[in-house]
Amino acid sequence: MIQFGTRLKILDNSGVKIVKCIKLLKSKSKSTIGDKIIISTKKVKSQSKIKKGEVLSAIIYRLKKKRIKFNGISIKHRSNGALLLNKKNVAAGNRIRGSIAKELKYIFQKSLPLNLKLF
């Protein structure tokens, strides 16, 4: 579960490495996969167009907490992850490393890049 102050990894090629959650948009206490959050960038690559300290939005696509699907499979990742969005609510990067949840394909059909590994 993601809450205020949680640090997340960004695993797309936008140039941002680590961000911090500063606001949850759907719920007041905790967010799960597919929820939109407001983030602040903490660690950025030197060649990136996005600067350290910028406030952007993101979609949560990985959780460290174990979750169980309807078919009985349980999924747990090593880290919390988010997908960075630009101001038009489209993915900032065009490639995502790693797998993401299948539910995101149905929730955000237009904003997700085409080359995804769905799990």
PDB file of N, CA and C in Angstrom:
ATOM      1  N   MET A   1       0.831  -1.174   0.000  1.00  0.00           N
ATOM      2  CA  MET A   1       0.000   0.000   0.000  1.00  0.00           C
ATOM      3  C   MET A   1       0.888   1.255   0.000  1.00  0.00           C
ATOM      4  N   ILE A   2       0.509   2.195  -0.792  1.00  0.00           N
ATOM      5  CA  ILE A   2       1.256   3.440  -0.915  1.00  0.00           C
ATOM      6  C   ILE A   2       0.554   4.495  -0.079  1.00  0.00           C
ATOM      7  N   GLN A   3       1.335   5.218   0.706  1.00  0.00           N
ATOM      8  CA  GLN A   3       0.790   6.299   1.511  1.00  0.00           C
ATOM      9  C   GLN A   3       1.690   7.513   1.393  1.00  0.00           C
ATOM     10  N   PHE A   4       1.329   8.588   2.071  1.00  0.00           N
ATOM     11  CA  PHE A   4       2.078   9.837   1.998  1.00  0.00           C
ATOM     12  C   PHE A   4       3.519   9.619   2.465  1.00  0.00           C
ATOM     13  N   GLY A   5       4.481  10.048   1.657  1.00  0.00           N
ATOM     14  CA  GLY A   5       5.881   9.940   2.023  1.00  0.00           C
ATOM     15  C   GLY A   5       6.581   8.689   1.526  1.00  0.00           C
ATOM     16  N   THR A   6       5.879   7.796   0.838  1.00  0.00           N
ATOM     17  CA  THR A   6       6.487   6.569   0.332  1.00  0.00           C
ATOM     18  C   THR A   6       7.400   6.884  -0.853  1.00  0.00           C
ATOM     19  N   ARG A   7       8.567   6.246  -0.880  1.00  0.00           N
ATOM     20  CA  ARG A   7       9.484   6.400  -2.014  1.00  0.00           C
ATOM     21  C   ARG A   7       9.215   5.278  -3.016  1.00  0.00           C
ATOM     22  N   LEU A   8       9.182   5.649  -4.295  1.00  0.00           N
ATOM     23  CA  LEU A   8       8.873   4.708  -5.364  1.00  0.00           C
ATOM     24  C   LEU A   8       9.960   4.749  -6.425  1.00  0.00           C
ATOM     25  N   LYS A   9      10.149   3.619  -7.110  1.00  0.00           N
ATOM     26  CA  LYS A   9      11.066   3.563  -8.242  1.00  0.00           C
ATOM     27  C   LYS A   9      10.287   3.854  -9.514  1.00  0.00           C
ATOM     28  N   ILE A  10      10.930   4.568 -10.422  1.00  0.00           N
ATOM     29  CA  ILE A  10      10.369   4.798 -11.748  1.00  0.00           C
ATOM     30  C   ILE A  10      11.195   3.962 -12.714  1.00  0.00           C
ATOM     31  N   LEU A  11      10.573   3.002 -13.383  1.00  0.00           N
ATOM     32  CA  LEU A  11      11.309   2.084 -14.229  1.00  0.00           C
ATOM     33  C   LEU A  11      11.006   2.288 -15.702  1.00  0.00           C
ATOM     34  N   ASP A  12      10.781   3.521 -16.122  1.00  0.00           N
ATOM     35  CA  ASP A  12      10.699   3.797 -17.547  1.00  0.00           C
ATOM     36  C   ASP A  12      11.906   4.637 -17.951  1.00  0.00           C
ATOM     37  N   ASN A  13      12.008   4.984 -19.216  1.00  0.00           N
ATOM     38  CA  ASN A  13      13.193   5.689 -19.681  1.00  0.00           C
ATOM     39  C   ASN A  13      13.009   7.206 -19.715  1.00  0.00           C
ATOM     40  N   SER A  14      12.290   7.762 -18.764  1.00  0.00           N
ATOM     41  CA  SER A  14      12.096   9.209 -18.696  1.00  0.00           C
ATOM     42  C   SER A  14      13.279   9.924 -18.056  1.00  0.00           C
ATOM     43  N   GLY A  15      14.147   9.202 -17.358  1.00  0.00           N
ATOM     44  CA  GLY A  15      15.318   9.810 -16.734  1.00  0.00           C
ATOM     45  C   GLY A  15      15.198   9.989 -15.238  1.00  0.00           C
ATOM     46  N   VAL A  16      14.031   9.721 -14.670  1.00  0.00           N
ATOM     47  CA  VAL A  16      13.813   9.837 -13.231  1.00  0.00           C
ATOM     48  C   VAL A  16      14.030   8.473 -12.601  1.00  0.00           C
ATOM     49  N   LYS A  17      14.750   8.423 -11.476  1.00  0.00           N
ATOM     50  CA  LYS A  17      15.013   7.148 -10.814  1.00  0.00           C
ATOM     51  C   LYS A  17      14.117   6.934  -9.603  1.00  0.00           C
ATOM     52  N   ILE A  18      14.110   7.899  -8.672  1.00  0.00           N
ATOM     53  CA  ILE A  18      13.357   7.746  -7.418  1.00  0.00           C
ATOM     54  C   ILE A  18      12.471   8.971  -7.211  1.00  0.00           C
ATOM     55  N   VAL A  19      11.233   8.724  -6.765  1.00  0.00           N
ATOM     56  CA  VAL A  19      10.285   9.791  -6.472  1.00  0.00           C
ATOM     57  C   VAL A  19       9.690   9.578  -5.085  1.00  0.00           C
ATOM     58  N   LYS A  20       9.036  10.603  -4.577  1.00  0.00           N
ATOM     59  CA  LYS A  20       8.378  10.535  -3.273  1.00  0.00           C
ATOM     60  C   LYS A  20       6.916  10.935  -3.444  1.00  0.00           C
ATOM     61  N   CYS A  21       6.017  10.153  -2.871  1.00  0.00           N
ATOM     62  CA  CYS A  21       4.584  10.437  -2.955  1.00  0.00           C
ATOM     63  C   CYS A  21       4.243  11.614  -2.041  1.00  0.00           C
ATOM     64  N   ILE A  22       3.583  12.630  -2.594  1.00  0.00           N
ATOM     65  CA  ILE A  22       3.218  13.777  -1.764  1.00  0.00           C
ATOM     66  C   ILE A  22       1.705  13.959  -1.634  1.00  0.00           C
ATOM     67  N   LYS A  23       0.916  13.269  -2.491  1.00  0.00           N
ATOM     68  CA  LYS A  23      -0.536  13.356  -2.352  1.00  0.00           C
ATOM     69  C   LYS A  23      -1.200  12.161  -3.019  1.00  0.00           C
ATOM     70  N   LEU A  24      -2.222  11.611  -2.368  1.00  0.00           N
ATOM     71  CA  LEU A  24      -3.022  10.518  -2.920  1.00  0.00           C
ATOM     72  C   LEU A  24      -4.311  11.117  -3.454  1.00  0.00           C
ATOM     73  N   LEU A  25      -4.693  10.761  -4.667  1.00  0.00           N
ATOM     74  CA  LEU A  25      -5.858  11.401  -5.269  1.00  0.00           C
ATOM     75  C   LEU A  25      -7.162  10.666  -5.000  1.00  0.00           C
ATOM     76  N   LYS A  26      -7.175   9.329  -5.016  1.00  0.00           N
ATOM     77  CA  LYS A  26      -8.438   8.609  -4.844  1.00  0.00           C
ATOM     78  C   LYS A  26      -8.824   8.432  -3.383  1.00  0.00           C
ATOM     79  N   SER A  27      -7.902   7.942  -2.583  1.00  0.00           N
ATOM     80  CA  SER A  27      -8.238   7.664  -1.188  1.00  0.00           C
ATOM     81  C   SER A  27      -7.482   8.618  -0.273  1.00  0.00           C
ATOM     82  N   LYS A  28      -7.848   8.616   0.992  1.00  0.00           N
ATOM     83  CA  LYS A  28      -7.214   9.522   1.939  1.00  0.00           C
ATOM     84  C   LYS A  28      -6.035   8.906   2.671  1.00  0.00           C
ATOM     85  N   SER A  29      -6.011   7.559   2.778  1.00  0.00           N
ATOM     86  CA  SER A  29      -4.944   6.954   3.568  1.00  0.00           C
ATOM     87  C   SER A  29      -4.011   6.057   2.764  1.00  0.00           C
ATOM     88  N   LYS A  30      -4.544   5.181   1.882  1.00  0.00           N
ATOM     89  CA  LYS A  30      -3.699   4.226   1.166  1.00  0.00           C
ATOM     90  C   LYS A  30      -4.161   4.086  -0.278  1.00  0.00           C
ATOM     91  N   SER A  31      -3.209   3.837  -1.168  1.00  0.00           N
ATOM     92  CA  SER A  31      -3.515   3.631  -2.580  1.00  0.00           C
ATOM     93  C   SER A  31      -3.008   2.271  -3.032  1.00  0.00           C
ATOM     94  N   THR A  32      -3.617   1.733  -4.082  1.00  0.00           N
ATOM     95  CA  THR A  32      -3.220   0.436  -4.614  1.00  0.00           C
ATOM     96  C   THR A  32      -2.908   0.564  -6.100  1.00  0.00           C
ATOM     97  N   ILE A  33      -2.776  -0.554  -6.784  1.00  0.00           N
ATOM     98  CA  ILE A  33      -2.425  -0.569  -8.199  1.00  0.00           C
ATOM     99  C   ILE A  33      -3.507   0.119  -9.027  1.00  0.00           C
ATOM    100  N   GLY A  34      -3.074   0.989  -9.925  1.00  0.00           N
ATOM    101  CA  GLY A  34      -3.983   1.700 -10.808  1.00  0.00           C
ATOM    102  C   GLY A  34      -4.402   3.057 -10.307  1.00  0.00           C
ATOM    103  N   ASP A  35      -4.074   3.418  -9.085  1.00  0.00           N
ATOM    104  CA  ASP A  35      -4.440   4.727  -8.546  1.00  0.00           C
ATOM    105  C   ASP A  35      -3.451   5.782  -9.003  1.00  0.00           C
ATOM    106  N   LYS A  36      -3.949   6.997  -9.146  1.00  0.00           N
ATOM    107  CA  LYS A  36      -3.117   8.125  -9.556  1.00  0.00           C
ATOM    108  C   LYS A  36      -2.643   8.863  -8.309  1.00  0.00           C
ATOM    109  N   ILE A  37      -1.370   9.247  -8.297  1.00  0.00           N
ATOM    110  CA  ILE A  37      -0.801   9.977  -7.168  1.00  0.00           C
ATOM    111  C   ILE A  37      -0.011  11.175  -7.687  1.00  0.00           C
ATOM    112  N   ILE A  38       0.248  12.131  -6.801  1.00  0.00           N
ATOM    113  CA  ILE A  38       1.104  13.274  -7.110  1.00  0.00           C
ATOM    114  C   ILE A  38       2.463  12.998  -6.469  1.00  0.00           C
ATOM    115  N   ILE A  39       3.540  13.191  -7.242  1.00  0.00           N
ATOM    116  CA  ILE A  39       4.875  12.846  -6.761  1.00  0.00           C
ATOM    117  C   ILE A  39       5.830  14.023  -6.926  1.00  0.00           C
ATOM    118  N   SER A  40       6.930  13.941  -6.183  1.00  0.00           N
ATOM    119  CA  SER A  40       8.027  14.892  -6.304  1.00  0.00           C
ATOM    120  C   SER A  40       9.282  14.098  -6.633  1.00  0.00           C
ATOM    121  N   THR A  41      10.051  14.541  -7.623  1.00  0.00           N
ATOM    122  CA  THR A  41      11.237  13.802  -8.036  1.00  0.00           C
ATOM    123  C   THR A  41      12.364  14.005  -7.032  1.00  0.00           C
ATOM    124  N   LYS A  42      13.066  12.923  -6.698  1.00  0.00           N
ATOM    125  CA  LYS A  42      14.157  12.973  -5.720  1.00  0.00           C
ATOM    126  C   LYS A  42      15.514  12.671  -6.341  1.00  0.00           C
ATOM    127  N   LYS A  43      15.588  11.686  -7.239  1.00  0.00           N
ATOM    128  CA  LYS A  43      16.850  11.306  -7.866  1.00  0.00           C
ATOM    129  C   LYS A  43      16.627  11.248  -9.377  1.00  0.00           C
ATOM    130  N   VAL A  44      17.445  12.025 -10.120  1.00  0.00           N
ATOM    131  CA  VAL A  44      17.259  12.174 -11.554  1.00  0.00           C
ATOM    132  C   VAL A  44      18.590  11.972 -12.262  1.00  0.00           C
ATOM    133  N   LYS A  45      18.564  11.357 -13.453  1.00  0.00           N
ATOM    134  CA  LYS A  45      19.770  11.237 -14.271  1.00  0.00           C
ATOM    135  C   LYS A  45      20.178  12.618 -14.778  1.00  0.00           C
ATOM    136  N   SER A  46      21.455  12.785 -15.072  1.00  0.00           N
ATOM    137  CA  SER A  46      21.955  14.103 -15.441  1.00  0.00           C
ATOM    138  C   SER A  46      21.463  14.566 -16.817  1.00  0.00           C
ATOM    139  N   GLN A  47      21.180  13.654 -17.745  1.00  0.00           N
ATOM    140  CA  GLN A  47      20.748  14.046 -19.082  1.00  0.00           C
ATOM    141  C   GLN A  47      19.231  14.229 -19.204  1.00  0.00           C
ATOM    142  N   SER A  48      18.503  14.067 -18.144  1.00  0.00           N
ATOM    143  CA  SER A  48      17.046  14.095 -18.186  1.00  0.00           C
ATOM    144  C   SER A  48      16.505  15.506 -18.381  1.00  0.00           C
ATOM    145  N   LYS A  49      15.354  15.595 -19.072  1.00  0.00           N
ATOM    146  CA  LYS A  49      14.665  16.875 -19.229  1.00  0.00           C
ATOM    147  C   LYS A  49      13.942  17.259 -17.947  1.00  0.00           C
ATOM    148  N   ILE A  50      13.578  16.272 -17.149  1.00  0.00           N
ATOM    149  CA  ILE A  50      12.875  16.511 -15.885  1.00  0.00           C
ATOM    150  C   ILE A  50      13.907  16.807 -14.803  1.00  0.00           C
ATOM    151  N   LYS A  51      13.687  17.847 -14.030  1.00  0.00           N
ATOM    152  CA  LYS A  51      14.644  18.278 -13.011  1.00  0.00           C
ATOM    153  C   LYS A  51      14.265  17.736 -11.636  1.00  0.00           C
ATOM    154  N   LYS A  52      15.238  17.753 -10.739  1.00  0.00           N
ATOM    155  CA  LYS A  52      15.019  17.310  -9.363  1.00  0.00           C
ATOM    156  C   LYS A  52      14.095  18.296  -8.662  1.00  0.00           C
ATOM    157  N   GLY A  53      13.109  17.782  -7.933  1.00  0.00           N
ATOM    158  CA  GLY A  53      12.174  18.617  -7.192  1.00  0.00           C
ATOM    159  C   GLY A  53      10.914  18.975  -7.954  1.00  0.00           C
ATOM    160  N   GLU A  54      10.767  18.558  -9.203  1.00  0.00           N
ATOM    161  CA  GLU A  54       9.549  18.848  -9.959  1.00  0.00           C
ATOM    162  C   GLU A  54       8.376  18.037  -9.417  1.00  0.00           C
ATOM    163  N   VAL A  55       7.189  18.615  -9.511  1.00  0.00           N
ATOM    164  CA  VAL A  55       5.968  17.943  -9.057  1.00  0.00           C
ATOM    165  C   VAL A  55       5.217  17.458 -10.286  1.00  0.00           C
ATOM    166  N   LEU A  56       4.980  16.148 -10.350  1.00  0.00           N
ATOM    167  CA  LEU A  56       4.307  15.511 -11.484  1.00  0.00           C
ATOM    168  C   LEU A  56       3.265  14.522 -10.968  1.00  0.00           C
ATOM    169  N   SER A  57       2.570  13.877 -11.882  1.00  0.00           N
ATOM    170  CA  SER A  57       1.632  12.821 -11.484  1.00  0.00           C
ATOM    171  C   SER A  57       2.163  11.476 -11.951  1.00  0.00           C
ATOM    172  N   ALA A  58       1.665  10.406 -11.352  1.00  0.00           N
ATOM    173  CA  ALA A  58       2.119   9.058 -11.670  1.00  0.00           C
ATOM    174  C   ALA A  58       1.000   8.062 -11.405  1.00  0.00           C
ATOM    175  N   ILE A  59       1.133   6.882 -12.016  1.00  0.00           N
ATOM    176  CA  ILE A  59       0.210   5.770 -11.776  1.00  0.00           C
ATOM    177  C   ILE A  59       0.993   4.676 -11.067  1.00  0.00           C
ATOM    178  N   ILE A  60       0.430   4.122 -10.015  1.00  0.00           N
ATOM    179  CA  ILE A  60       1.076   3.027  -9.296  1.00  0.00           C
ATOM    180  C   ILE A  60       0.906   1.753 -10.119  1.00  0.00           C
ATOM    181  N   TYR A  61       2.020   1.075 -10.403  1.00  0.00           N
ATOM    182  CA  TYR A  61       1.918  -0.148 -11.183  1.00  0.00           C
ATOM    183  C   TYR A  61       2.599  -1.343 -10.546  1.00  0.00           C
ATOM    184  N   ARG A  62       3.281  -1.189  -9.432  1.00  0.00           N
ATOM    185  CA  ARG A  62       3.873  -2.305  -8.695  1.00  0.00           C
ATOM    186  C   ARG A  62       3.731  -2.054  -7.211  1.00  0.00           C
ATOM    187  N   LEU A  63       3.500  -3.126  -6.460  1.00  0.00           N
ATOM    188  CA  LEU A  63       3.423  -3.013  -5.003  1.00  0.00           C
ATOM    189  C   LEU A  63       4.294  -4.072  -4.354  1.00  0.00           C
ATOM    190  N   LYS A  64       4.905  -3.693  -3.259  1.00  0.00           N
ATOM    191  CA  LYS A  64       5.693  -4.633  -2.480  1.00  0.00           C
ATOM    192  C   LYS A  64       4.781  -5.583  -1.701  1.00  0.00           C
ATOM    193  N   LYS A  65       3.604  -5.095  -1.359  1.00  0.00           N
ATOM    194  CA  LYS A  65       2.657  -5.901  -0.594  1.00  0.00           C
ATOM    195  C   LYS A  65       2.097  -7.036  -1.449  1.00  0.00           C
ATOM    196  N   LYS A  66       2.001  -8.212  -0.856  1.00  0.00           N
ATOM    197  CA  LYS A  66       1.483  -9.385  -1.564  1.00  0.00           C
ATOM    198  C   LYS A  66      -0.007  -9.217  -1.814  1.00  0.00           C
ATOM    199  N   ARG A  67      -0.425  -9.488  -3.056  1.00  0.00           N
ATOM    200  CA  ARG A  67      -1.847  -9.424  -3.385  1.00  0.00           C
ATOM    201  C   ARG A  67      -2.240 -10.700  -4.102  1.00  0.00           C
ATOM    202  N   ILE A  68      -3.473 -11.118  -3.927  1.00  0.00           N
ATOM    203  CA  ILE A  68      -3.966 -12.370  -4.491  1.00  0.00           C
ATOM    204  C   ILE A  68      -4.989 -12.060  -5.581  1.00  0.00           C
ATOM    205  N   LYS A  69      -4.794 -12.646  -6.763  1.00  0.00           N
ATOM    206  CA  LYS A  69      -5.720 -12.451  -7.870  1.00  0.00           C
ATOM    207  C   LYS A  69      -6.923 -13.372  -7.704  1.00  0.00           C
ATOM    208  N   PHE A  70      -7.920 -13.191  -8.594  1.00  0.00           N
ATOM    209  CA  PHE A  70      -9.130 -13.995  -8.518  1.00  0.00           C
ATOM    210  C   PHE A  70      -8.879 -15.464  -8.817  1.00  0.00           C
ATOM    211  N   ASN A  71      -7.881 -15.771  -9.653  1.00  0.00           N
ATOM    212  CA  ASN A  71      -7.609 -17.164  -9.992  1.00  0.00           C
ATOM    213  C   ASN A  71      -6.709 -17.867  -8.977  1.00  0.00           C
ATOM    214  N   GLY A  72      -6.354 -17.207  -7.875  1.00  0.00           N
ATOM    215  CA  GLY A  72      -5.601 -17.828  -6.804  1.00  0.00           C
ATOM    216  C   GLY A  72      -4.108 -17.560  -6.821  1.00  0.00           C
ATOM    217  N   ILE A  73      -3.606 -16.894  -7.840  1.00  0.00           N
ATOM    218  CA  ILE A  73      -2.181 -16.596  -7.924  1.00  0.00           C
ATOM    219  C   ILE A  73      -1.855 -15.407  -7.030  1.00  0.00           C
ATOM    220  N   SER A  74      -0.782 -15.528  -6.244  1.00  0.00           N
ATOM    221  CA  SER A  74      -0.354 -14.395  -5.417  1.00  0.00           C
ATOM    222  C   SER A  74       0.875 -13.750  -6.052  1.00  0.00           C
ATOM    223  N   ILE A  75       0.917 -12.422  -6.028  1.00  0.00           N
ATOM    224  CA  ILE A  75       1.989 -11.663  -6.663  1.00  0.00           C
ATOM    225  C   ILE A  75       2.601 -10.720  -5.644  1.00  0.00           C
ATOM    226  N   LYS A  76       3.934 -10.702  -5.598  1.00  0.00           N
ATOM    227  CA  LYS A  76       4.660  -9.806  -4.710  1.00  0.00           C
ATOM    228  C   LYS A  76       5.917  -9.354  -5.430  1.00  0.00           C
ATOM    229  N   HIS A  77       6.172  -8.052  -5.461  1.00  0.00           N
ATOM    230  CA  HIS A  77       7.349  -7.497  -6.122  1.00  0.00           C
ATOM    231  C   HIS A  77       8.376  -7.076  -5.084  1.00  0.00           C
ATOM    232  N   ARG A  78       9.601  -6.839  -5.531  1.00  0.00           N
ATOM    233  CA  ARG A  78      10.669  -6.432  -4.621  1.00  0.00           C
ATOM    234  C   ARG A  78      10.586  -4.976  -4.199  1.00  0.00           C
ATOM    235  N   SER A  79       9.971  -4.143  -5.045  1.00  0.00           N
ATOM    236  CA  SER A  79       9.917  -2.712  -4.727  1.00  0.00           C
ATOM    237  C   SER A  79       8.600  -2.123  -5.211  1.00  0.00           C
ATOM    238  N   ASN A  80       8.278  -0.952  -4.697  1.00  0.00           N
ATOM    239  CA  ASN A  80       7.121  -0.214  -5.167  1.00  0.00           C
ATOM    240  C   ASN A  80       7.518   0.530  -6.434  1.00  0.00           C
ATOM    241  N   GLY A  81       6.618   0.569  -7.401  1.00  0.00           N
ATOM    242  CA  GLY A  81       6.943   1.211  -8.666  1.00  0.00           C
ATOM    243  C   GLY A  81       5.800   2.046  -9.181  1.00  0.00           C
ATOM    244  N   ALA A  82       6.147   3.073  -9.966  1.00  0.00           N
ATOM    245  CA  ALA A  82       5.143   3.953 -10.549  1.00  0.00           C
ATOM    246  C   ALA A  82       5.522   4.280 -11.983  1.00  0.00           C
ATOM    247  N   LEU A  83       4.527   4.658 -12.755  1.00  0.00           N
ATOM    248  CA  LEU A  83       4.705   5.068 -14.136  1.00  0.00           C
ATOM    249  C   LEU A  83       4.504   6.571 -14.201  1.00  0.00           C
ATOM    250  N   LEU A  84       5.502   7.283 -14.651  1.00  0.00           N
ATOM    251  CA  LEU A  84       5.484   8.736 -14.679  1.00  0.00           C
ATOM    252  C   LEU A  84       4.597   9.238 -15.810  1.00  0.00           C
ATOM    253  N   LEU A  85       3.757  10.237 -15.515  1.00  0.00           N
ATOM    254  CA  LEU A  85       2.869  10.833 -16.512  1.00  0.00           C
ATOM    255  C   LEU A  85       3.264  12.288 -16.755  1.00  0.00           C
ATOM    256  N   ASN A  86       3.041  12.757 -17.973  1.00  0.00           N
ATOM    257  CA  ASN A  86       3.275  14.175 -18.236  1.00  0.00           C
ATOM    258  C   ASN A  86       1.986  14.951 -17.997  1.00  0.00           C
ATOM    259  N   LYS A  87       1.934  16.209 -18.412  1.00  0.00           N
ATOM    260  CA  LYS A  87       0.762  17.041 -18.102  1.00  0.00           C
ATOM    261  C   LYS A  87      -0.482  16.666 -18.896  1.00  0.00           C
ATOM    262  N   LYS A  88      -0.314  15.910 -19.995  1.00  0.00           N
ATOM    263  CA  LYS A  88      -1.456  15.464 -20.795  1.00  0.00           C
ATOM    264  C   LYS A  88      -1.948  14.077 -20.363  1.00  0.00           C
ATOM    265  N   ASN A  89      -1.453  13.564 -19.236  1.00  0.00           N
ATOM    266  CA  ASN A  89      -1.775  12.236 -18.701  1.00  0.00           C
ATOM    267  C   ASN A  89      -1.404  11.110 -19.660  1.00  0.00           C
ATOM    268  N   VAL A  90      -0.276  11.266 -20.334  1.00  0.00           N
ATOM    269  CA  VAL A  90       0.300  10.238 -21.192  1.00  0.00           C
ATOM    270  C   VAL A  90       1.648   9.881 -20.588  1.00  0.00           C
ATOM    271  N   ALA A  91       2.075   8.632 -20.761  1.00  0.00           N
ATOM    272  CA  ALA A  91       3.339   8.180 -20.170  1.00  0.00           C
ATOM    273  C   ALA A  91       4.504   9.047 -20.655  1.00  0.00           C
ATOM    274  N   ALA A  92       5.347   9.477 -19.720  1.00  0.00           N
ATOM    275  CA  ALA A  92       6.479  10.338 -20.043  1.00  0.00           C
ATOM    276  C   ALA A  92       7.555   9.578 -20.801  1.00  0.00           C
ATOM    277  N   GLY A  93       7.796   8.329 -20.452  1.00  0.00           N
ATOM    278  CA  GLY A  93       8.757   7.491 -21.163  1.00  0.00           C
ATOM    279  C   GLY A  93       8.036   6.627 -22.183  1.00  0.00           C
ATOM    280  N   ASN A  94       8.808   6.024 -23.091  1.00  0.00           N
ATOM    281  CA  ASN A  94       8.155   5.166 -24.077  1.00  0.00           C
ATOM    282  C   ASN A  94       8.535   3.701 -23.917  1.00  0.00           C
ATOM    283  N   ARG A  95       9.294   3.358 -22.884  1.00  0.00           N
ATOM    284  CA  ARG A  95       9.663   1.963 -22.644  1.00  0.00           C
ATOM    285  C   ARG A  95       9.639   1.701 -21.142  1.00  0.00           C
ATOM    286  N   ILE A  96       9.077   0.562 -20.750  1.00  0.00           N
ATOM    287  CA  ILE A  96       9.016   0.195 -19.338  1.00  0.00           C
ATOM    288  C   ILE A  96       9.807  -1.087 -19.144  1.00  0.00           C
ATOM    289  N   ARG A  97      10.716  -1.086 -18.165  1.00  0.00           N
ATOM    290  CA  ARG A  97      11.471  -2.292 -17.839  1.00  0.00           C
ATOM    291  C   ARG A  97      10.723  -3.069 -16.776  1.00  0.00           C
ATOM    292  N   GLY A  98      10.570  -4.366 -16.979  1.00  0.00           N
ATOM    293  CA  GLY A  98       9.896  -5.203 -15.996  1.00  0.00           C
ATOM    294  C   GLY A  98       8.447  -5.437 -16.354  1.00  0.00           C
ATOM    295  N   SER A  99       7.766  -6.185 -15.513  1.00  0.00           N
ATOM    296  CA  SER A  99       6.370  -6.515 -15.766  1.00  0.00           C
ATOM    297  C   SER A  99       5.460  -5.652 -14.912  1.00  0.00           C
ATOM    298  N   ILE A 100       4.234  -5.471 -15.395  1.00  0.00           N
ATOM    299  CA  ILE A 100       3.253  -4.706 -14.645  1.00  0.00           C
ATOM    300  C   ILE A 100       1.964  -5.524 -14.562  1.00  0.00           C
ATOM    301  N   ALA A 101       1.000  -5.037 -13.802  1.00  0.00           N
ATOM    302  CA  ALA A 101      -0.261  -5.755 -13.603  1.00  0.00           C
ATOM    303  C   ALA A 101      -1.138  -5.666 -14.851  1.00  0.00           C
ATOM    304  N   LYS A 102      -1.880  -6.731 -15.118  1.00  0.00           N
ATOM    305  CA  LYS A 102      -2.752  -6.782 -16.290  1.00  0.00           C
ATOM    306  C   LYS A 102      -3.926  -5.814 -16.165  1.00  0.00           C
ATOM    307  N   GLU A 103      -4.302  -5.484 -14.949  1.00  0.00           N
ATOM    308  CA  GLU A 103      -5.436  -4.597 -14.732  1.00  0.00           C
ATOM    309  C   GLU A 103      -5.193  -3.212 -15.312  1.00  0.00           C
ATOM    310  N   LEU A 104      -3.939  -2.791 -15.361  1.00  0.00           N
ATOM    311  CA  LEU A 104      -3.624  -1.468 -15.890  1.00  0.00           C
ATOM    312  C   LEU A 104      -3.927  -1.363 -17.376  1.00  0.00           C
ATOM    313  N   LYS A 105      -3.875  -2.477 -18.089  1.00  0.00           N
ATOM    314  CA  LYS A 105      -4.168  -2.462 -19.514  1.00  0.00           C
ATOM    315  C   LYS A 105      -5.616  -2.028 -19.757  1.00  0.00           C
ATOM    316  N   TYR A 106      -6.514  -2.451 -18.915  1.00  0.00           N
ATOM    317  CA  TYR A 106      -7.919  -2.132 -19.096  1.00  0.00           C
ATOM    318  C   TYR A 106      -8.275  -0.761 -18.528  1.00  0.00           C
ATOM    319  N   ILE A 107      -7.570  -0.318 -17.499  1.00  0.00           N
ATOM    320  CA  ILE A 107      -7.873   0.969 -16.880  1.00  0.00           C
ATOM    321  C   ILE A 107      -7.353   2.132 -17.715  1.00  0.00           C
ATOM    322  N   PHE A 108      -6.092   2.046 -18.139  1.00  0.00           N
ATOM    323  CA  PHE A 108      -5.446   3.136 -18.851  1.00  0.00           C
ATOM    324  C   PHE A 108      -5.006   2.660 -20.229  1.00  0.00           C
ATOM    325  N   GLN A 109      -5.925   2.485 -21.150  1.00  0.00           N
ATOM    326  CA  GLN A 109      -5.593   1.945 -22.461  1.00  0.00           C
ATOM    327  C   GLN A 109      -4.809   2.934 -23.312  1.00  0.00           C
ATOM    328  N   LYS A 110      -5.116   4.223 -23.250  1.00  0.00           N
ATOM    329  CA  LYS A 110      -4.466   5.198 -24.110  1.00  0.00           C
ATOM    330  C   LYS A 110      -3.142   5.685 -23.555  1.00  0.00           C
ATOM    331  N   SER A 111      -2.981   5.714 -22.250  1.00  0.00           N
ATOM    332  CA  SER A 111      -1.785   6.327 -21.681  1.00  0.00           C
ATOM    333  C   SER A 111      -0.611   5.367 -21.530  1.00  0.00           C
ATOM    334  N   LEU A 112      -0.829   4.054 -21.645  1.00  0.00           N
ATOM    335  CA  LEU A 112       0.264   3.110 -21.487  1.00  0.00           C
ATOM    336  C   LEU A 112       0.989   2.875 -22.814  1.00  0.00           C
ATOM    337  N   PRO A 113       2.305   2.733 -22.790  1.00  0.00           N
ATOM    338  CA  PRO A 113       3.036   2.419 -24.022  1.00  0.00           C
ATOM    339  C   PRO A 113       2.670   1.047 -24.562  1.00  0.00           C
ATOM    340  N   LEU A 114       2.987   0.809 -25.810  1.00  0.00           N
ATOM    341  CA  LEU A 114       2.578  -0.438 -26.454  1.00  0.00           C
ATOM    342  C   LEU A 114       3.469  -1.623 -26.090  1.00  0.00           C
ATOM    343  N   ASN A 115       4.732  -1.376 -25.778  1.00  0.00           N
ATOM    344  CA  ASN A 115       5.671  -2.486 -25.551  1.00  0.00           C
ATOM    345  C   ASN A 115       5.739  -2.850 -24.069  1.00  0.00           C
ATOM    346  N   LEU A 116       4.681  -3.419 -23.543  1.00  0.00           N
ATOM    347  CA  LEU A 116       4.618  -3.793 -22.139  1.00  0.00           C
ATOM    348  C   LEU A 116       4.652  -5.303 -21.988  1.00  0.00           C
ATOM    349  N   LYS A 117       5.267  -5.763 -20.888  1.00  0.00           N
ATOM    350  CA  LYS A 117       5.174  -7.163 -20.500  1.00  0.00           C
ATOM    351  C   LYS A 117       4.078  -7.242 -19.445  1.00  0.00           C
ATOM    352  N   LEU A 118       2.939  -7.769 -19.786  1.00  0.00           N
ATOM    353  CA  LEU A 118       1.824  -7.849 -18.841  1.00  0.00           C
ATOM    354  C   LEU A 118       1.916  -9.148 -18.071  1.00  0.00           C
ATOM    355  N   PHE A 119       1.716  -9.077 -16.750  1.00  0.00           N
ATOM    356  CA  PHE A 119       1.842 -10.248 -15.885  1.00  0.00           C
ATOM    357  C   PHE A 119       0.513 -10.551 -15.249  1.00  0.00           C
TER     358      PHE A 119
END
